[in-house]
Every structure is written in structure tokens, then in C-alpha cells.
Amino acid sequence: NWIGFHIRGMCILQQGHVSNAIEVLQVGVKRCSGPKSRDYFASALAIANLRQGENEIASRVLGEMDKQHADESNRHELVFPSGPILVRMHVWGVCGLEKEATQAYERLPATLPQHE
């Protein structure tokens, strides 16, 4: 059950055991077959890496996730799958990747619920 496994990783992270949480979340990224679930693992892994002070690794995790979602026609554009845009903005901002953070920010309104 990948949902339970993700919850386990997040609980471990919440308890402050960042290294252990990273190990659990890495397993989810590598072994989970569902793209949406894998996105959740990757976003959580990026957050855990930030907490560990591994900003570049957090950025690389998100970049690898984006590459998996890219298709032939959009190969050179950033692809934003279902993973949280706010996580991306945070990671890329911390890493000084202004272009990527700005692109994430510009796509944020499209991910928010519409209110009338």
C-alpha cells in the first residue's frame, strides 16, 4: 500500500528523523509504479532534503520527476505534473533558480480552485 508507505515517511519526517524519512521516500520514488503517487513521494523527498540542508539534491529530485513527465513535444519546457507547485517554488527559490521559481509562480493560479 503506497499511500500508507507515504504516510509512514511523512510521520518519520514529522518526528524529526530526516535521514530515515529520506530512505523511506526514496524507496517510494524508485519503486512506486503510479505516476501520481510517485509525484507525492518525490515532492515529500524534496521537502526532506531541504530540511537536511541538501538544497541541490531537492532540486535534482524535482528535475528528475519533471523529466519523467516530459514528452517529445515539450522536451525543452518545464513540465509541472501534479506535484505541489509551492514545493517547487520553495526549492527553486532556495537554490537561486530564479527562472524556474518564476515559471512555477506563473503557473500557480491554474492550480488553485476557482471561486466565483
PDB file of N, CA and C in Angstrom:
ATOM      1  N   ASN A   1       0.844  -1.173   0.000  1.00  0.00           N
ATOM      2  CA  ASN A   1       0.000   0.000   0.000  1.00  0.00           C
ATOM      3  C   ASN A   1       0.892   1.240   0.000  1.00  0.00           C
ATOM      4  N   TRP A   2       0.980   1.905  -1.146  1.00  0.00           N
ATOM      5  CA  TRP A   2       1.876   3.048  -1.285  1.00  0.00           C
ATOM      6  C   TRP A   2       1.403   4.269  -0.512  1.00  0.00           C
ATOM      7  N   ILE A   3       0.100   4.416  -0.338  1.00  0.00           N
ATOM      8  CA  ILE A   3      -0.399   5.550   0.444  1.00  0.00           C
ATOM      9  C   ILE A   3       0.080   5.418   1.884  1.00  0.00           C
ATOM     10  N   GLY A   4      -0.059   4.242   2.441  1.00  0.00           N
ATOM     11  CA  GLY A   4       0.419   4.001   3.799  1.00  0.00           C
ATOM     12  C   GLY A   4       1.919   4.186   3.928  1.00  0.00           C
ATOM     13  N   PHE A   5       2.630   3.777   2.901  1.00  0.00           N
ATOM     14  CA  PHE A   5       4.088   3.918   2.913  1.00  0.00           C
ATOM     15  C   PHE A   5       4.480   5.396   2.875  1.00  0.00           C
ATOM     16  N   HIS A   6       3.745   6.191   2.096  1.00  0.00           N
ATOM     17  CA  HIS A   6       3.992   7.642   2.041  1.00  0.00           C
ATOM     18  C   HIS A   6       3.698   8.275   3.401  1.00  0.00           C
ATOM     19  N   ILE A   7       2.581   7.880   3.995  1.00  0.00           N
ATOM     20  CA  ILE A   7       2.225   8.405   5.312  1.00  0.00           C
ATOM     21  C   ILE A   7       3.305   8.046   6.326  1.00  0.00           C
ATOM     22  N   ARG A   8       3.822   6.842   6.233  1.00  0.00           N
ATOM     23  CA  ARG A   8       4.909   6.423   7.129  1.00  0.00           C
ATOM     24  C   ARG A   8       6.108   7.349   6.991  1.00  0.00           C
ATOM     25  N   GLY A   9       6.514   7.630   5.757  1.00  0.00           N
ATOM     26  CA  GLY A   9       7.645   8.518   5.521  1.00  0.00           C
ATOM     27  C   GLY A   9       7.398   9.910   6.079  1.00  0.00           C
ATOM     28  N   MET A  10       6.180  10.419   5.894  1.00  0.00           N
ATOM     29  CA  MET A  10       5.855  11.757   6.389  1.00  0.00           C
ATOM     30  C   MET A  10       5.811  11.797   7.915  1.00  0.00           C
ATOM     31  N   CYS A  11       5.325  10.729   8.537  1.00  0.00           N
ATOM     32  CA  CYS A  11       5.318  10.669  10.004  1.00  0.00           C
ATOM     33  C   CYS A  11       6.746  10.653  10.553  1.00  0.00           C
ATOM     34  N   ILE A  12       7.603   9.884   9.913  1.00  0.00           N
ATOM     35  CA  ILE A  12       9.006   9.834  10.335  1.00  0.00           C
ATOM     36  C   ILE A  12       9.638  11.214  10.174  1.00  0.00           C
ATOM     37  N   LEU A  13       9.332  11.888   9.074  1.00  0.00           N
ATOM     38  CA  LEU A  13       9.849  13.240   8.853  1.00  0.00           C
ATOM     39  C   LEU A  13       9.337  14.194   9.926  1.00  0.00           C
ATOM     40  N   GLN A  14       8.066  14.103  10.236  1.00  0.00           N
ATOM     41  CA  GLN A  14       7.455  14.972  11.255  1.00  0.00           C
ATOM     42  C   GLN A  14       8.091  14.747  12.633  1.00  0.00           C
ATOM     43  N   GLN A  15       8.536  13.538  12.898  1.00  0.00           N
ATOM     44  CA  GLN A  15       9.189  13.229  14.169  1.00  0.00           C
ATOM     45  C   GLN A  15      10.623  13.747  14.223  1.00  0.00           C
ATOM     46  N   GLY A  16      11.108  14.258  13.096  1.00  0.00           N
ATOM     47  CA  GLY A  16      12.450  14.824  13.066  1.00  0.00           C
ATOM     48  C   GLY A  16      13.546  13.866  12.658  1.00  0.00           C
ATOM     49  N   HIS A  17      13.175  12.679  12.230  1.00  0.00           N
ATOM     50  CA  HIS A  17      14.155  11.682  11.794  1.00  0.00           C
ATOM     51  C   HIS A  17      14.329  11.805  10.272  1.00  0.00           C
ATOM     52  N   VAL A  18      14.967  12.881   9.858  1.00  0.00           N
ATOM     53  CA  VAL A  18      15.016  13.250   8.448  1.00  0.00           C
ATOM     54  C   VAL A  18      15.719  12.182   7.610  1.00  0.00           C
ATOM     55  N   SER A  19      16.849  11.687   8.056  1.00  0.00           N
ATOM     56  CA  SER A  19      17.579  10.673   7.278  1.00  0.00           C
ATOM     57  C   SER A  19      16.741   9.422   7.063  1.00  0.00           C
ATOM     58  N   ASN A  20      16.041   8.984   8.101  1.00  0.00           N
ATOM     59  CA  ASN A  20      15.185   7.804   7.970  1.00  0.00           C
ATOM     60  C   ASN A  20      14.026   8.076   7.022  1.00  0.00           C
ATOM     61  N   ALA A  21      13.459   9.274   7.098  1.00  0.00           N
ATOM     62  CA  ALA A  21      12.359   9.636   6.201  1.00  0.00           C
ATOM     63  C   ALA A  21      12.838   9.647   4.754  1.00  0.00           C
ATOM     64  N   ILE A  22      14.032  10.172   4.526  1.00  0.00           N
ATOM     65  CA  ILE A  22      14.586  10.206   3.171  1.00  0.00           C
ATOM     66  C   ILE A  22      14.712   8.793   2.612  1.00  0.00           C
ATOM     67  N   GLU A  23      15.166   7.859   3.430  1.00  0.00           N
ATOM     68  CA  GLU A  23      15.293   6.469   2.979  1.00  0.00           C
ATOM     69  C   GLU A  23      13.937   5.906   2.547  1.00  0.00           C
ATOM     70  N   VAL A  24      12.903   6.146   3.347  1.00  0.00           N
ATOM     71  CA  VAL A  24      11.565   5.643   3.033  1.00  0.00           C
ATOM     72  C   VAL A  24      11.048   6.289   1.754  1.00  0.00           C
ATOM     73  N   LEU A  25      11.187   7.597   1.647  1.00  0.00           N
ATOM     74  CA  LEU A  25      10.655   8.319   0.495  1.00  0.00           C
ATOM     75  C   LEU A  25      11.406   7.967  -0.791  1.00  0.00           C
ATOM     76  N   GLN A  26      12.695   7.696  -0.686  1.00  0.00           N
ATOM     77  CA  GLN A  26      13.462   7.271  -1.860  1.00  0.00           C
ATOM     78  C   GLN A  26      12.950   5.942  -2.404  1.00  0.00           C
ATOM     79  N   VAL A  27      12.581   5.042  -1.510  1.00  0.00           N
ATOM     80  CA  VAL A  27      12.020   3.756  -1.939  1.00  0.00           C
ATOM     81  C   VAL A  27      10.738   4.003  -2.730  1.00  0.00           C
ATOM     82  N   GLY A  28       9.898   4.909  -2.244  1.00  0.00           N
ATOM     83  CA  GLY A  28       8.662   5.223  -2.951  1.00  0.00           C
ATOM     84  C   GLY A  28       8.906   5.805  -4.327  1.00  0.00           C
ATOM     85  N   VAL A  29       9.882   6.708  -4.425  1.00  0.00           N
ATOM     86  CA  VAL A  29      10.207   7.307  -5.722  1.00  0.00           C
ATOM     87  C   VAL A  29      10.691   6.238  -6.696  1.00  0.00           C
ATOM     88  N   LYS A  30      11.495   5.313  -6.220  1.00  0.00           N
ATOM     89  CA  LYS A  30      12.093   4.304  -7.098  1.00  0.00           C
ATOM     90  C   LYS A  30      11.144   3.171  -7.453  1.00  0.00           C
ATOM     91  N   ARG A  31      10.288   2.771  -6.526  1.00  0.00           N
ATOM     92  CA  ARG A  31       9.522   1.540  -6.727  1.00  0.00           C
ATOM     93  C   ARG A  31       8.045   1.734  -7.017  1.00  0.00           C
ATOM     94  N   CYS A  32       7.495   2.871  -6.676  1.00  0.00           N
ATOM     95  CA  CYS A  32       6.061   3.080  -6.878  1.00  0.00           C
ATOM     96  C   CYS A  32       5.777   3.203  -8.372  1.00  0.00           C
ATOM     97  N   SER A  33       4.823   2.443  -8.855  1.00  0.00           N
ATOM     98  CA  SER A  33       4.562   2.428 -10.293  1.00  0.00           C
ATOM     99  C   SER A  33       3.585   3.504 -10.741  1.00  0.00           C
ATOM    100  N   GLY A  34       2.759   4.003  -9.858  1.00  0.00           N
ATOM    101  CA  GLY A  34       1.782   5.026 -10.245  1.00  0.00           C
ATOM    102  C   GLY A  34       2.409   6.409 -10.317  1.00  0.00           C
ATOM    103  N   PRO A  35       2.266   7.104 -11.452  1.00  0.00           N
ATOM    104  CA  PRO A  35       2.901   8.418 -11.602  1.00  0.00           C
ATOM    105  C   PRO A  35       2.464   9.438 -10.553  1.00  0.00           C
ATOM    106  N   LYS A  36       1.171   9.494 -10.237  1.00  0.00           N
ATOM    107  CA  LYS A  36       0.717  10.470  -9.238  1.00  0.00           C
ATOM    108  C   LYS A  36       1.307  10.167  -7.870  1.00  0.00           C
ATOM    109  N   SER A  37       1.295   8.913  -7.491  1.00  0.00           N
ATOM    110  CA  SER A  37       1.868   8.541  -6.199  1.00  0.00           C
ATOM    111  C   SER A  37       3.362   8.815  -6.166  1.00  0.00           C
ATOM    112  N   ARG A  38       4.039   8.531  -7.264  1.00  0.00           N
ATOM    113  CA  ARG A  38       5.479   8.800  -7.340  1.00  0.00           C
ATOM    114  C   ARG A  38       5.755  10.302  -7.207  1.00  0.00           C
ATOM    115  N   ASP A  39       4.859  11.138  -7.759  1.00  0.00           N
ATOM    116  CA  ASP A  39       4.994  12.588  -7.611  1.00  0.00           C
ATOM    117  C   ASP A  39       4.913  13.008  -6.147  1.00  0.00           C
ATOM    118  N   TYR A  40       3.991  12.398  -5.413  1.00  0.00           N
ATOM    119  CA  TYR A  40       3.864  12.720  -3.992  1.00  0.00           C
ATOM    120  C   TYR A  40       5.129  12.340  -3.231  1.00  0.00           C
ATOM    121  N   PHE A  41       5.668  11.170  -3.542  1.00  0.00           N
ATOM    122  CA  PHE A  41       6.917  10.757  -2.908  1.00  0.00           C
ATOM    123  C   PHE A  41       8.047  11.726  -3.247  1.00  0.00           C
ATOM    124  N   ALA A  42       8.144  12.102  -4.512  1.00  0.00           N
ATOM    125  CA  ALA A  42       9.230  12.996  -4.935  1.00  0.00           C
ATOM    126  C   ALA A  42       9.108  14.369  -4.275  1.00  0.00           C
ATOM    127  N   SER A  43       7.896  14.902  -4.187  1.00  0.00           N
ATOM    128  CA  SER A  43       7.708  16.201  -3.531  1.00  0.00           C
ATOM    129  C   SER A  43       8.073  16.123  -2.050  1.00  0.00           C
ATOM    130  N   ALA A  44       7.649  15.051  -1.397  1.00  0.00           N
ATOM    131  CA  ALA A  44       7.988  14.869   0.012  1.00  0.00           C
ATOM    132  C   ALA A  44       9.490  14.673   0.189  1.00  0.00           C
ATOM    133  N   LEU A  45      10.112  13.950  -0.727  1.00  0.00           N
ATOM    134  CA  LEU A  45      11.565  13.751  -0.673  1.00  0.00           C
ATOM    135  C   LEU A  45      12.294  15.084  -0.832  1.00  0.00           C
ATOM    136  N   ALA A  46      11.813  15.934  -1.715  1.00  0.00           N
ATOM    137  CA  ALA A  46      12.419  17.255  -1.887  1.00  0.00           C
ATOM    138  C   ALA A  46      12.317  18.065  -0.594  1.00  0.00           C
ATOM    139  N   ILE A  47      11.173  18.002   0.063  1.00  0.00           N
ATOM    140  CA  ILE A  47      10.999  18.713   1.340  1.00  0.00           C
ATOM    141  C   ILE A  47      11.967  18.167   2.384  1.00  0.00           C
ATOM    142  N   ALA A  48      12.082  16.850   2.457  1.00  0.00           N
ATOM    143  CA  ALA A  48      13.003  16.235   3.423  1.00  0.00           C
ATOM    144  C   ALA A  48      14.443  16.645   3.138  1.00  0.00           C
ATOM    145  N   ASN A  49      14.808  16.674   1.858  1.00  0.00           N
ATOM    146  CA  ASN A  49      16.164  17.103   1.512  1.00  0.00           C
ATOM    147  C   ASN A  49      16.404  18.552   1.919  1.00  0.00           C
ATOM    148  N   LEU A  50      15.400  19.415   1.741  1.00  0.00           N
ATOM    149  CA  LEU A  50      15.541  20.806   2.198  1.00  0.00           C
ATOM    150  C   LEU A  50      15.779  20.857   3.703  1.00  0.00           C
ATOM    151  N   ARG A  51      15.034  20.072   4.444  1.00  0.00           N
ATOM    152  CA  ARG A  51      15.200  20.058   5.914  1.00  0.00           C
ATOM    153  C   ARG A  51      16.590  19.582   6.320  1.00  0.00           C
ATOM    154  N   GLN A  52      17.179  18.760   5.488  1.00  0.00           N
ATOM    155  CA  GLN A  52      18.525  18.251   5.760  1.00  0.00           C
ATOM    156  C   GLN A  52      19.585  19.237   5.282  1.00  0.00           C
ATOM    157  N   GLY A  53      19.156  20.297   4.605  1.00  0.00           N
ATOM    158  CA  GLY A  53      20.098  21.266   4.074  1.00  0.00           C
ATOM    159  C   GLY A  53      20.683  20.875   2.737  1.00  0.00           C
ATOM    160  N   GLU A  54      20.097  19.876   2.097  1.00  0.00           N
ATOM    161  CA  GLU A  54      20.562  19.374   0.800  1.00  0.00           C
ATOM    162  C   GLU A  54      19.732  20.011  -0.303  1.00  0.00           C
ATOM    163  N   ASN A  55      19.908  21.322  -0.496  1.00  0.00           N
ATOM    164  CA  ASN A  55      19.078  22.071  -1.446  1.00  0.00           C
ATOM    165  C   ASN A  55      19.256  21.598  -2.879  1.00  0.00           C
ATOM    166  N   GLU A  56      20.481  21.333  -3.280  1.00  0.00           N
ATOM    167  CA  GLU A  56      20.733  20.910  -4.657  1.00  0.00           C
ATOM    168  C   GLU A  56      20.121  19.538  -4.937  1.00  0.00           C
ATOM    169  N   ILE A  57      20.165  18.667  -3.950  1.00  0.00           N
ATOM    170  CA  ILE A  57      19.543  17.345  -4.124  1.00  0.00           C
ATOM    171  C   ILE A  57      18.032  17.500  -4.255  1.00  0.00           C
ATOM    172  N   ALA A  58      17.442  18.389  -3.462  1.00  0.00           N
ATOM    173  CA  ALA A  58      15.996  18.637  -3.558  1.00  0.00           C
ATOM    174  C   ALA A  58      15.626  19.101  -4.954  1.00  0.00           C
ATOM    175  N   SER A  59      16.418  19.998  -5.507  1.00  0.00           N
ATOM    176  CA  SER A  59      16.164  20.490  -6.862  1.00  0.00           C
ATOM    177  C   SER A  59      16.316  19.375  -7.886  1.00  0.00           C
ATOM    178  N   ARG A  60      17.317  18.538  -7.711  1.00  0.00           N
ATOM    179  CA  ARG A  60      17.549  17.428  -8.640  1.00  0.00           C
ATOM    180  C   ARG A  60      16.389  16.423  -8.601  1.00  0.00           C
ATOM    181  N   VAL A  61      15.853  16.168  -7.415  1.00  0.00           N
ATOM    182  CA  VAL A  61      14.711  15.245  -7.283  1.00  0.00           C
ATOM    183  C   VAL A  61      13.537  15.755  -8.111  1.00  0.00           C
ATOM    184  N   LEU A  62      13.243  17.049  -7.999  1.00  0.00           N
ATOM    185  CA  LEU A  62      12.133  17.615  -8.766  1.00  0.00           C
ATOM    186  C   LEU A  62      12.434  17.613 -10.256  1.00  0.00           C
ATOM    187  N   GLY A  63      13.677  17.894 -10.611  1.00  0.00           N
ATOM    188  CA  GLY A  63      14.066  17.875 -12.019  1.00  0.00           C
ATOM    189  C   GLY A  63      13.917  16.498 -12.633  1.00  0.00           C
ATOM    190  N   GLU A  64      14.293  15.477 -11.886  1.00  0.00           N
ATOM    191  CA  GLU A  64      14.145  14.107 -12.382  1.00  0.00           C
ATOM    192  C   GLU A  64      12.676  13.741 -12.558  1.00  0.00           C
ATOM    193  N   MET A  65      11.839  14.218 -11.640  1.00  0.00           N
ATOM    194  CA  MET A  65      10.409  13.964 -11.756  1.00  0.00           C
ATOM    195  C   MET A  65       9.868  14.646 -13.012  1.00  0.00           C
ATOM    196  N   ASP A  66      10.304  15.872 -13.269  1.00  0.00           N
ATOM    197  CA  ASP A  66       9.842  16.584 -14.451  1.00  0.00           C
ATOM    198  C   ASP A  66      10.263  15.873 -15.734  1.00  0.00           C
ATOM    199  N   LYS A  67      11.486  15.352 -15.750  1.00  0.00           N
ATOM    200  CA  LYS A  67      11.965  14.646 -16.940  1.00  0.00           C
ATOM    201  C   LYS A  67      11.105  13.427 -17.238  1.00  0.00           C
ATOM    202  N   GLN A  68      10.635  12.768 -16.195  1.00  0.00           N
ATOM    203  CA  GLN A  68       9.784  11.597 -16.399  1.00  0.00           C
ATOM    204  C   GLN A  68       8.461  11.983 -17.036  1.00  0.00           C
ATOM    205  N   HIS A  69       8.012  13.214 -16.795  1.00  0.00           N
ATOM    206  CA  HIS A  69       6.723  13.658 -17.310  1.00  0.00           C
ATOM    207  C   HIS A  69       6.816  14.334 -18.671  1.00  0.00           C
ATOM    208  N   ALA A  70       8.021  14.670 -19.061  1.00  0.00           N
ATOM    209  CA  ALA A  70       8.176  15.374 -20.339  1.00  0.00           C
ATOM    210  C   ALA A  70       7.869  14.430 -21.499  1.00  0.00           C
ATOM    211  N   ASP A  71       7.212  14.963 -22.491  1.00  0.00           N
ATOM    212  CA  ASP A  71       7.024  14.173 -23.708  1.00  0.00           C
ATOM    213  C   ASP A  71       7.852  14.801 -24.826  1.00  0.00           C
ATOM    214  N   GLU A  72       7.840  14.199 -25.978  1.00  0.00           N
ATOM    215  CA  GLU A  72       8.696  14.642 -27.076  1.00  0.00           C
ATOM    216  C   GLU A  72       8.423  16.089 -27.476  1.00  0.00           C
ATOM    217  N   SER A  73       7.181  16.514 -27.473  1.00  0.00           N
ATOM    218  CA  SER A  73       6.864  17.860 -27.944  1.00  0.00           C
ATOM    219  C   SER A  73       7.212  18.944 -26.930  1.00  0.00           C
ATOM    220  N   ASN A  74       7.288  18.592 -25.677  1.00  0.00           N
ATOM    221  CA  ASN A  74       7.580  19.585 -24.635  1.00  0.00           C
ATOM    222  C   ASN A  74       8.937  19.346 -23.997  1.00  0.00           C
ATOM    223  N   ARG A  75       9.796  18.676 -24.687  1.00  0.00           N
ATOM    224  CA  ARG A  75      11.062  18.243 -24.109  1.00  0.00           C
ATOM    225  C   ARG A  75      11.879  19.385 -23.503  1.00  0.00           C
ATOM    226  N   HIS A  76      11.807  20.592 -24.080  1.00  0.00           N
ATOM    227  CA  HIS A  76      12.653  21.685 -23.625  1.00  0.00           C
ATOM    228  C   HIS A  76      11.940  22.631 -22.665  1.00  0.00           C
ATOM    229  N   GLU A  77      10.697  22.347 -22.343  1.00  0.00           N
ATOM    230  CA  GLU A  77       9.961  23.190 -21.404  1.00  0.00           C
ATOM    231  C   GLU A  77       9.874  22.486 -20.066  1.00  0.00           C
ATOM    232  N   LEU A  78       9.718  23.293 -19.014  1.00  0.00           N
ATOM    233  CA  LEU A  78       9.462  22.702 -17.713  1.00  0.00           C
ATOM    234  C   LEU A  78       8.068  22.109 -17.724  1.00  0.00           C
ATOM    235  N   VAL A  79       7.943  20.925 -17.204  1.00  0.00           N
ATOM    236  CA  VAL A  79       6.649  20.265 -17.120  1.00  0.00           C
ATOM    237  C   VAL A  79       6.283  20.221 -15.648  1.00  0.00           C
ATOM    238  N   PHE A  80       5.064  20.632 -15.336  1.00  0.00           N
ATOM    239  CA  PHE A  80       4.634  20.639 -13.946  1.00  0.00           C
ATOM    240  C   PHE A  80       3.545  19.602 -13.743  1.00  0.00           C
ATOM    241  N   PRO A  81       3.921  18.417 -13.280  1.00  0.00           N
ATOM    242  CA  PRO A  81       2.919  17.395 -13.013  1.00  0.00           C
ATOM    243  C   PRO A  81       2.122  17.744 -11.766  1.00  0.00           C
ATOM    244  N   SER A  82       1.431  16.782 -11.237  1.00  0.00           N
ATOM    245  CA  SER A  82       0.525  17.049 -10.131  1.00  0.00           C
ATOM    246  C   SER A  82       1.237  17.403  -8.825  1.00  0.00           C
ATOM    247  N   GLY A  83       2.550  17.235  -8.749  1.00  0.00           N
ATOM    248  CA  GLY A  83       3.282  17.591  -7.536  1.00  0.00           C
ATOM    249  C   GLY A  83       3.091  19.047  -7.181  1.00  0.00           C
ATOM    250  N   PRO A  84       3.111  19.357  -5.894  1.00  0.00           N
ATOM    251  CA  PRO A  84       2.796  20.710  -5.458  1.00  0.00           C
ATOM    252  C   PRO A  84       3.720  21.780  -6.056  1.00  0.00           C
ATOM    253  N   ILE A  85       3.096  22.766  -6.662  1.00  0.00           N
ATOM    254  CA  ILE A  85       3.832  23.886  -7.245  1.00  0.00           C
ATOM    255  C   ILE A  85       4.541  24.672  -6.141  1.00  0.00           C
ATOM    256  N   LEU A  86       3.926  24.784  -4.987  1.00  0.00           N
ATOM    257  CA  LEU A  86       4.557  25.547  -3.900  1.00  0.00           C
ATOM    258  C   LEU A  86       5.866  24.911  -3.450  1.00  0.00           C
ATOM    259  N   VAL A  87       5.938  23.591  -3.476  1.00  0.00           N
ATOM    260  CA  VAL A  87       7.189  22.906  -3.132  1.00  0.00           C
ATOM    261  C   VAL A  87       8.260  23.300  -4.132  1.00  0.00           C
ATOM    262  N   ARG A  88       7.895  23.321  -5.400  1.00  0.00           N
ATOM    263  CA  ARG A  88       8.839  23.699  -6.448  1.00  0.00           C
ATOM    264  C   ARG A  88       9.312  25.135  -6.258  1.00  0.00           C
ATOM    265  N   MET A  89       8.366  26.040  -6.014  1.00  0.00           N
ATOM    266  CA  MET A  89       8.748  27.439  -5.817  1.00  0.00           C
ATOM    267  C   MET A  89       9.742  27.565  -4.671  1.00  0.00           C
ATOM    268  N   HIS A  90       9.469  26.864  -3.598  1.00  0.00           N
ATOM    269  CA  HIS A  90      10.342  26.933  -2.423  1.00  0.00           C
ATOM    270  C   HIS A  90      11.731  26.377  -2.731  1.00  0.00           C
ATOM    271  N   VAL A  91      11.769  25.182  -3.291  1.00  0.00           N
ATOM    272  CA  VAL A  91      13.058  24.535  -3.584  1.00  0.00           C
ATOM    273  C   VAL A  91      13.868  25.392  -4.543  1.00  0.00           C
ATOM    274  N   TRP A  92      13.245  25.806  -5.639  1.00  0.00           N
ATOM    275  CA  TRP A  92      13.992  26.552  -6.644  1.00  0.00           C
ATOM    276  C   TRP A  92      14.385  27.935  -6.143  1.00  0.00           C
ATOM    277  N   GLY A  93      13.550  28.537  -5.285  1.00  0.00           N
ATOM    278  CA  GLY A  93      13.917  29.818  -4.693  1.00  0.00           C
ATOM    279  C   GLY A  93      15.133  29.682  -3.789  1.00  0.00           C
ATOM    280  N   VAL A  94      15.135  28.653  -2.946  1.00  0.00           N
ATOM    281  CA  VAL A  94      16.267  28.403  -2.054  1.00  0.00           C
ATOM    282  C   VAL A  94      17.542  28.148  -2.850  1.00  0.00           C
ATOM    283  N   CYS A  95      17.410  27.474  -3.981  1.00  0.00           N
ATOM    284  CA  CYS A  95      18.573  27.134  -4.806  1.00  0.00           C
ATOM    285  C   CYS A  95      19.007  28.283  -5.715  1.00  0.00           C
ATOM    286  N   GLY A  96      18.274  29.388  -5.690  1.00  0.00           N
ATOM    287  CA  GLY A  96      18.630  30.520  -6.529  1.00  0.00           C
ATOM    288  C   GLY A  96      18.271  30.331  -7.995  1.00  0.00           C
ATOM    289  N   LEU A  97      17.372  29.409  -8.278  1.00  0.00           N
ATOM    290  CA  LEU A  97      16.935  29.158  -9.654  1.00  0.00           C
ATOM    291  C   LEU A  97      15.734  30.057  -9.953  1.00  0.00           C
ATOM    292  N   GLU A  98      16.036  31.322 -10.211  1.00  0.00           N
ATOM    293  CA  GLU A  98      15.001  32.344 -10.355  1.00  0.00           C
ATOM    294  C   GLU A  98      14.052  32.055 -11.517  1.00  0.00           C
ATOM    295  N   LYS A  99      14.585  31.627 -12.656  1.00  0.00           N
ATOM    296  CA  LYS A  99      13.748  31.352 -13.826  1.00  0.00           C
ATOM    297  C   LYS A  99      12.726  30.262 -13.517  1.00  0.00           C
ATOM    298  N   GLU A 100      13.183  29.164 -12.927  1.00  0.00           N
ATOM    299  CA  GLU A 100      12.297  28.052 -12.610  1.00  0.00           C
ATOM    300  C   GLU A 100      11.270  28.441 -11.560  1.00  0.00           C
ATOM    301  N   ALA A 101      11.705  29.170 -10.522  1.00  0.00           N
ATOM    302  CA  ALA A 101      10.781  29.610  -9.473  1.00  0.00           C
ATOM    303  C   ALA A 101       9.718  30.541 -10.049  1.00  0.00           C
ATOM    304  N   THR A 102      10.112  31.419 -10.956  1.00  0.00           N
ATOM    305  CA  THR A 102       9.169  32.340 -11.593  1.00  0.00           C
ATOM    306  C   THR A 102       8.172  31.583 -12.448  1.00  0.00           C
ATOM    307  N   GLN A 103       8.635  30.597 -13.202  1.00  0.00           N
ATOM    308  CA  GLN A 103       7.722  29.795 -14.016  1.00  0.00           C
ATOM    309  C   GLN A 103       6.720  29.055 -13.147  1.00  0.00           C
ATOM    310  N   ALA A 104       7.164  28.525 -12.029  1.00  0.00           N
ATOM    311  CA  ALA A 104       6.252  27.845 -11.111  1.00  0.00           C
ATOM    312  C   ALA A 104       5.229  28.834 -10.562  1.00  0.00           C
ATOM    313  N   TYR A 105       5.687  30.012 -10.189  1.00  0.00           N
ATOM    314  CA  TYR A 105       4.796  31.045  -9.656  1.00  0.00           C
ATOM    315  C   TYR A 105       3.736  31.429 -10.691  1.00  0.00           C
ATOM    316  N   GLU A 106       4.153  31.567 -11.942  1.00  0.00           N
ATOM    317  CA  GLU A 106       3.220  31.957 -13.001  1.00  0.00           C
ATOM    318  C   GLU A 106       2.169  30.882 -13.260  1.00  0.00           C
ATOM    319  N   ARG A 107       2.497  29.635 -12.989  1.00  0.00           N
ATOM    320  CA  ARG A 107       1.533  28.545 -13.196  1.00  0.00           C
ATOM    321  C   ARG A 107       0.672  28.278 -11.965  1.00  0.00           C
ATOM    322  N   LEU A 108       0.986  28.915 -10.863  1.00  0.00           N
ATOM    323  CA  LEU A 108       0.253  28.689  -9.623  1.00  0.00           C
ATOM    324  C   LEU A 108      -1.245  28.964  -9.747  1.00  0.00           C
ATOM    325  N   PRO A 109      -1.683  30.088 -10.340  1.00  0.00           N
ATOM    326  CA  PRO A 109      -3.123  30.338 -10.419  1.00  0.00           C
ATOM    327  C   PRO A 109      -3.920  29.221 -11.096  1.00  0.00           C
ATOM    328  N   ALA A 110      -3.332  28.561 -12.065  1.00  0.00           N
ATOM    329  CA  ALA A 110      -4.020  27.475 -12.763  1.00  0.00           C
ATOM    330  C   ALA A 110      -4.252  26.264 -11.873  1.00  0.00           C
ATOM    331  N   THR A 111      -3.497  26.160 -10.777  1.00  0.00           N
ATOM    332  CA  THR A 111      -3.642  25.003  -9.893  1.00  0.00           C
ATOM    333  C   THR A 111      -4.598  25.268  -8.737  1.00  0.00           C
ATOM    334  N   LEU A 112      -4.992  26.517  -8.576  1.00  0.00           N
ATOM    335  CA  LEU A 112      -5.866  26.885  -7.449  1.00  0.00           C
ATOM    336  C   LEU A 112      -7.325  26.716  -7.826  1.00  0.00           C
ATOM    337  N   PRO A 113      -8.172  26.371  -6.839  1.00  0.00           N
ATOM    338  CA  PRO A 113      -9.610  26.248  -7.128  1.00  0.00           C
ATOM    339  C   PRO A 113     -10.176  27.608  -7.541  1.00  0.00           C
ATOM    340  N   GLN A 114     -11.103  27.572  -8.469  1.00  0.00           N
ATOM    341  CA  GLN A 114     -11.739  28.808  -8.933  1.00  0.00           C
ATOM    342  C   GLN A 114     -12.931  29.118  -8.046  1.00  0.00           C
ATOM    343  N   HIS A 115     -13.001  30.363  -7.573  1.00  0.00           N
ATOM    344  CA  HIS A 115     -14.131  30.811  -6.752  1.00  0.00           C
ATOM    345  C   HIS A 115     -14.884  31.886  -7.521  1.00  0.00           C
ATOM    346  N   GLU A 116     -16.172  31.811  -7.457  1.00  0.00           N
ATOM    347  CA  GLU A 116     -16.982  32.827  -8.153  1.00  0.00           C
ATOM    348  C   GLU A 116     -17.624  33.755  -7.181  1.00  0.00           C
TER     349      GLU A 116
END
